[in-house]
C-alpha atoms as a PDB file:
ATOM      1  CA  MET A   1      40.525 -16.258  14.742  1.00  0.00           C
ATOM      2  CA  SER A   2      38.616 -14.692  17.623  1.00  0.00           C
ATOM      3  CA  SER A   3      38.911 -11.084  18.684  1.00  0.00           C
ATOM      4  CA  PHE A   4      39.543  -9.812  22.176  1.00  0.00           C
ATOM      5  CA  SER A   5      38.702  -6.296  23.320  1.00  0.00           C
ATOM      6  CA  ILE A   6      38.721  -4.497  26.640  1.00  0.00           C
ATOM      7  CA  GLY A   7      36.628  -1.472  27.579  1.00  0.00           C
ATOM      8  CA  HIS A   8      39.107   0.999  29.070  1.00  0.00           C
ATOM      9  CA  ARG A   9      38.128   4.086  31.069  1.00  0.00           C
ATOM     10  CA  GLY A  10      34.434   3.356  30.715  1.00  0.00           C
ATOM     11  CA  ALA A  11      32.473   5.464  28.230  1.00  0.00           C
ATOM     12  CA  PRO A  12      34.497   8.710  28.188  1.00  0.00           C
ATOM     13  CA  MET A  13      32.376  10.359  25.494  1.00  0.00           C
ATOM     14  CA  GLN A  14      29.290  10.136  27.739  1.00  0.00           C
ATOM     15  CA  PHE A  15      30.758  10.481  31.266  1.00  0.00           C
ATOM     16  CA  PRO A  16      34.069  11.495  32.872  1.00  0.00           C
ATOM     17  CA  GLU A  17      36.718   8.762  32.652  1.00  0.00           C
ATOM     18  CA  HIS A  18      37.265   6.411  35.600  1.00  0.00           C
ATOM     19  CA  THR A  19      33.858   7.015  37.200  1.00  0.00           C
ATOM     20  CA  VAL A  20      31.193   4.544  38.251  1.00  0.00           C
ATOM     21  CA  GLU A  21      28.774   6.137  35.776  1.00  0.00           C
ATOM     22  CA  SER A  22      31.255   5.795  32.915  1.00  0.00           C
ATOM     23  CA  ASN A  23      31.975   2.131  33.651  1.00  0.00           C
ATOM     24  CA  ARG A  24      28.281   1.345  34.060  1.00  0.00           C
ATOM     25  CA  ALA A  25      27.486   2.988  30.712  1.00  0.00           C
ATOM     26  CA  ALA A  26      30.268   1.012  28.996  1.00  0.00           C
ATOM     27  CA  ALA A  27      28.934  -2.232  30.462  1.00  0.00           C
ATOM     28  CA  LEU A  28      25.396  -1.451  29.303  1.00  0.00           C
ATOM     29  CA  MET A  29      26.605  -0.550  25.807  1.00  0.00           C
ATOM     30  CA  GLY A  30      28.313  -3.917  25.494  1.00  0.00           C
ATOM     31  CA  GLY A  31      30.087  -3.465  22.204  1.00  0.00           C
ATOM     32  CA  GLY A  32      31.414  -7.007  22.270  1.00  0.00           C
ATOM     33  CA  HIS A  33      33.971  -6.302  24.968  1.00  0.00           C
ATOM     34  CA  SER A  34      35.692  -9.341  26.447  1.00  0.00           C
ATOM     35  CA  GLY A  35      36.357  -7.455  29.679  1.00  0.00           C
ATOM     36  CA  MET A  36      36.623  -4.077  31.333  1.00  0.00           C
ATOM     37  CA  CYS A  37      39.538  -2.303  32.944  1.00  0.00           C
ATOM     38  CA  CYS A  38      38.986   0.104  35.809  1.00  0.00           C
ATOM     39  CA  ASN A  39      41.480   2.013  37.893  1.00  0.00           C
ATOM     40  CA  VAL A  40      40.888   2.242  41.632  1.00  0.00           C
ATOM     41  CA  TYR A  41      42.389   5.167  43.486  1.00  0.00           C
END
């Protein structure tokens, strides 16, 4: 069985949620995410 995970709101412990910096940090951290979710306002 494979796992599926999505990075949501970026890396909120390092940067404010829903910011470019937060999403970039989450992408660089990897963590085995299958995808990322970002909200566009």
